[in-house]
Amino acid sequence: MAIVPLGVKGEQHILVTNEFAIDFLGMEEARVLGTPWLIALMEYTCRNSVLPLLPEGWDTVGTWVDVRHLAATPVGMSATFSTEVIAVNDRRITFRVEAYDEKE
């Protein structure tokens, strides 16, 4: 029995800060949203969109990620994460996720 209906959507907005930026090029070089943070924020947005629909004590955990990080979002720019449930199979929920910044 599906607990989460198809089409459930979620959205999260963030301001890219140094916390979310890569730092391996140094503080003076490229300060952009790092891919690990991009993926984490996608997962948080998915989780938060369905958590109110799950039985008490249940949660979600990502098990498969297919991501293409197509453009850099610099520190100081906002980013939006949008999710939609596109499949539910028993306890497995599949999401479509898009992330974009204010220039897209």
C-alpha atoms as a PDB file:
ATOM      1  CA  MET A   1       0.000   0.000   0.000  1.00  0.00           C
ATOM      2  CA  ALA A   2       1.430   3.350  -1.030  1.00  0.00           C
ATOM      3  CA  ILE A   3       1.766   5.765   1.869  1.00  0.00           C
ATOM      4  CA  VAL A   4       3.048   8.595  -0.293  1.00  0.00           C
ATOM      5  CA  PRO A   5       0.952   9.519  -3.336  1.00  0.00           C
ATOM      6  CA  LEU A   6       2.481  10.274  -6.707  1.00  0.00           C
ATOM      7  CA  GLY A   7       2.966  13.944  -7.434  1.00  0.00           C
ATOM      8  CA  VAL A   8       3.907  15.093  -3.929  1.00  0.00           C
ATOM      9  CA  LYS A   9       6.143  18.129  -4.362  1.00  0.00           C
ATOM     10  CA  GLY A  10       8.682  19.884  -2.203  1.00  0.00           C
ATOM     11  CA  GLU A  11      10.793  22.996  -2.484  1.00  0.00           C
ATOM     12  CA  GLN A  12      13.655  24.522  -0.543  1.00  0.00           C
ATOM     13  CA  HIS A  13      15.502  27.789  -1.052  1.00  0.00           C
ATOM     14  CA  ILE A  14      18.999  28.471   0.218  1.00  0.00           C
ATOM     15  CA  LEU A  15      21.566  31.210   0.026  1.00  0.00           C
ATOM     16  CA  VAL A  16      24.925  29.752  -0.968  1.00  0.00           C
ATOM     17  CA  THR A  17      27.320  30.614   1.838  1.00  0.00           C
ATOM     18  CA  ASN A  18      30.901  29.593   2.544  1.00  0.00           C
ATOM     19  CA  GLU A  19      29.482  26.624   4.470  1.00  0.00           C
ATOM     20  CA  PHE A  20      28.184  25.146   1.185  1.00  0.00           C
ATOM     21  CA  ALA A  21      31.157  26.144  -0.982  1.00  0.00           C
ATOM     22  CA  ILE A  22      34.155  24.151  -2.106  1.00  0.00           C
ATOM     23  CA  ASP A  23      37.365  25.162  -0.376  1.00  0.00           C
ATOM     24  CA  PHE A  24      40.046  22.956  -1.917  1.00  0.00           C
ATOM     25  CA  LEU A  25      41.040  25.719  -4.368  1.00  0.00           C
ATOM     26  CA  GLY A  26      41.597  28.159  -1.520  1.00  0.00           C
ATOM     27  CA  MET A  27      39.467  30.946  -0.138  1.00  0.00           C
ATOM     28  CA  GLU A  28      40.363  33.364  -2.943  1.00  0.00           C
ATOM     29  CA  GLU A  29      39.551  31.060  -5.864  1.00  0.00           C
ATOM     30  CA  ALA A  30      36.305  29.444  -6.984  1.00  0.00           C
ATOM     31  CA  ARG A  31      33.809  29.734  -4.141  1.00  0.00           C
ATOM     32  CA  VAL A  32      30.830  27.877  -5.540  1.00  0.00           C
ATOM     33  CA  LEU A  33      28.237  25.396  -4.304  1.00  0.00           C
ATOM     34  CA  GLY A  34      30.031  22.070  -3.972  1.00  0.00           C
ATOM     35  CA  THR A  35      28.554  18.939  -5.517  1.00  0.00           C
ATOM     36  CA  PRO A  36      28.447  17.048  -2.186  1.00  0.00           C
ATOM     37  CA  TRP A  37      26.342  19.871  -0.719  1.00  0.00           C
ATOM     38  CA  LEU A  38      24.184  19.954  -3.854  1.00  0.00           C
ATOM     39  CA  ILE A  39      23.376  16.274  -3.375  1.00  0.00           C
ATOM     40  CA  ALA A  40      22.807  16.647   0.381  1.00  0.00           C
ATOM     41  CA  LEU A  41      20.407  19.551  -0.153  1.00  0.00           C
ATOM     42  CA  MET A  42      18.540  17.559  -2.801  1.00  0.00           C
ATOM     43  CA  GLU A  43      18.158  14.680  -0.361  1.00  0.00           C
ATOM     44  CA  TYR A  44      16.999  16.961   2.468  1.00  0.00           C
ATOM     45  CA  THR A  45      14.376  18.482   0.172  1.00  0.00           C
ATOM     46  CA  CYS A  46      13.112  15.030  -0.845  1.00  0.00           C
ATOM     47  CA  ARG A  47      12.972  13.917   2.783  1.00  0.00           C
ATOM     48  CA  ASN A  48      11.173  17.006   4.002  1.00  0.00           C
ATOM     49  CA  SER A  49       8.549  16.740   1.249  1.00  0.00           C
ATOM     50  CA  VAL A  50       7.339  13.298   2.356  1.00  0.00           C
ATOM     51  CA  LEU A  51       8.212  13.113   6.059  1.00  0.00           C
ATOM     52  CA  PRO A  52       4.789  14.421   7.201  1.00  0.00           C
ATOM     53  CA  LEU A  53       3.145  11.592   5.207  1.00  0.00           C
ATOM     54  CA  LEU A  54       5.158   8.742   6.737  1.00  0.00           C
ATOM     55  CA  PRO A  55       4.113   6.719   9.780  1.00  0.00           C
ATOM     56  CA  GLU A  56       5.461   7.939  13.107  1.00  0.00           C
ATOM     57  CA  GLY A  57       9.063   6.878  13.587  1.00  0.00           C
ATOM     58  CA  TRP A  58       9.720   6.396   9.864  1.00  0.00           C
ATOM     59  CA  ASP A  59      12.227   8.423   7.897  1.00  0.00           C
ATOM     60  CA  THR A  60      13.898   8.368   4.500  1.00  0.00           C
ATOM     61  CA  VAL A  61      17.424   7.650   3.365  1.00  0.00           C
ATOM     62  CA  GLY A  62      18.855   8.089  -0.110  1.00  0.00           C
ATOM     63  CA  THR A  63      20.175   4.944  -1.782  1.00  0.00           C
ATOM     64  CA  TRP A  64      20.712   5.970  -5.387  1.00  0.00           C
ATOM     65  CA  VAL A  65      21.670   9.330  -6.858  1.00  0.00           C
ATOM     66  CA  ASP A  66      22.104  10.224 -10.531  1.00  0.00           C
ATOM     67  CA  VAL A  67      23.261  13.840 -10.735  1.00  0.00           C
ATOM     68  CA  ARG A  68      24.672  16.127 -13.397  1.00  0.00           C
ATOM     69  CA  HIS A  69      26.049  19.332 -11.890  1.00  0.00           C
ATOM     70  CA  LEU A  70      25.830  21.573 -14.963  1.00  0.00           C
ATOM     71  CA  ALA A  71      26.734  25.050 -13.746  1.00  0.00           C
ATOM     72  CA  ALA A  72      28.418  26.781 -10.838  1.00  0.00           C
ATOM     73  CA  THR A  73      26.420  28.751  -8.268  1.00  0.00           C
ATOM     74  CA  PRO A  74      28.700  31.225  -6.487  1.00  0.00           C
ATOM     75  CA  VAL A  75      28.643  32.220  -2.852  1.00  0.00           C
ATOM     76  CA  GLY A  76      26.035  34.943  -2.344  1.00  0.00           C
ATOM     77  CA  MET A  77      23.586  33.599  -4.932  1.00  0.00           C
ATOM     78  CA  SER A  78      20.354  31.827  -4.031  1.00  0.00           C
ATOM     79  CA  ALA A  79      19.508  28.306  -5.157  1.00  0.00           C
ATOM     80  CA  THR A  80      16.175  26.499  -5.317  1.00  0.00           C
ATOM     81  CA  PHE A  81      15.632  22.754  -4.968  1.00  0.00           C
ATOM     82  CA  SER A  82      12.367  21.325  -6.343  1.00  0.00           C
ATOM     83  CA  THR A  83      11.260  17.715  -5.886  1.00  0.00           C
ATOM     84  CA  GLU A  84       8.388  15.564  -7.094  1.00  0.00           C
ATOM     85  CA  VAL A  85       7.488  11.970  -6.242  1.00  0.00           C
ATOM     86  CA  ILE A  86       7.363  10.103  -9.559  1.00  0.00           C
ATOM     87  CA  ALA A  87       7.157   6.476  -8.378  1.00  0.00           C
ATOM     88  CA  VAL A  88       6.304   4.538  -5.231  1.00  0.00           C
ATOM     89  CA  ASN A  89       7.051   0.830  -4.948  1.00  0.00           C
ATOM     90  CA  ASP A  90       6.366  -0.542  -1.475  1.00  0.00           C
ATOM     91  CA  ARG A  91       8.768   1.458   0.724  1.00  0.00           C
ATOM     92  CA  ARG A  92      10.880   2.768  -2.176  1.00  0.00           C
ATOM     93  CA  ILE A  93      10.099   6.312  -3.304  1.00  0.00           C
ATOM     94  CA  THR A  94      11.564   7.759  -6.491  1.00  0.00           C
ATOM     95  CA  PHE A  95      11.896  11.514  -6.881  1.00  0.00           C
ATOM     96  CA  ARG A  96      12.575  13.859  -9.763  1.00  0.00           C
ATOM     97  CA  VAL A  97      14.766  16.655  -8.429  1.00  0.00           C
ATOM     98  CA  GLU A  98      15.859  19.917 -10.005  1.00  0.00           C
ATOM     99  CA  ALA A  99      18.218  22.487  -8.580  1.00  0.00           C
ATOM    100  CA  TYR A 100      18.705  25.882 -10.123  1.00  0.00           C
ATOM    101  CA  ASP A 101      19.976  29.293  -9.172  1.00  0.00           C
ATOM    102  CA  GLU A 102      18.623  32.772  -9.789  1.00  0.00           C
ATOM    103  CA  LYS A 103      20.318  32.954 -13.219  1.00  0.00           C
ATOM    104  CA  GLU A 104      18.497  29.903 -14.573  1.00  0.00           C
END
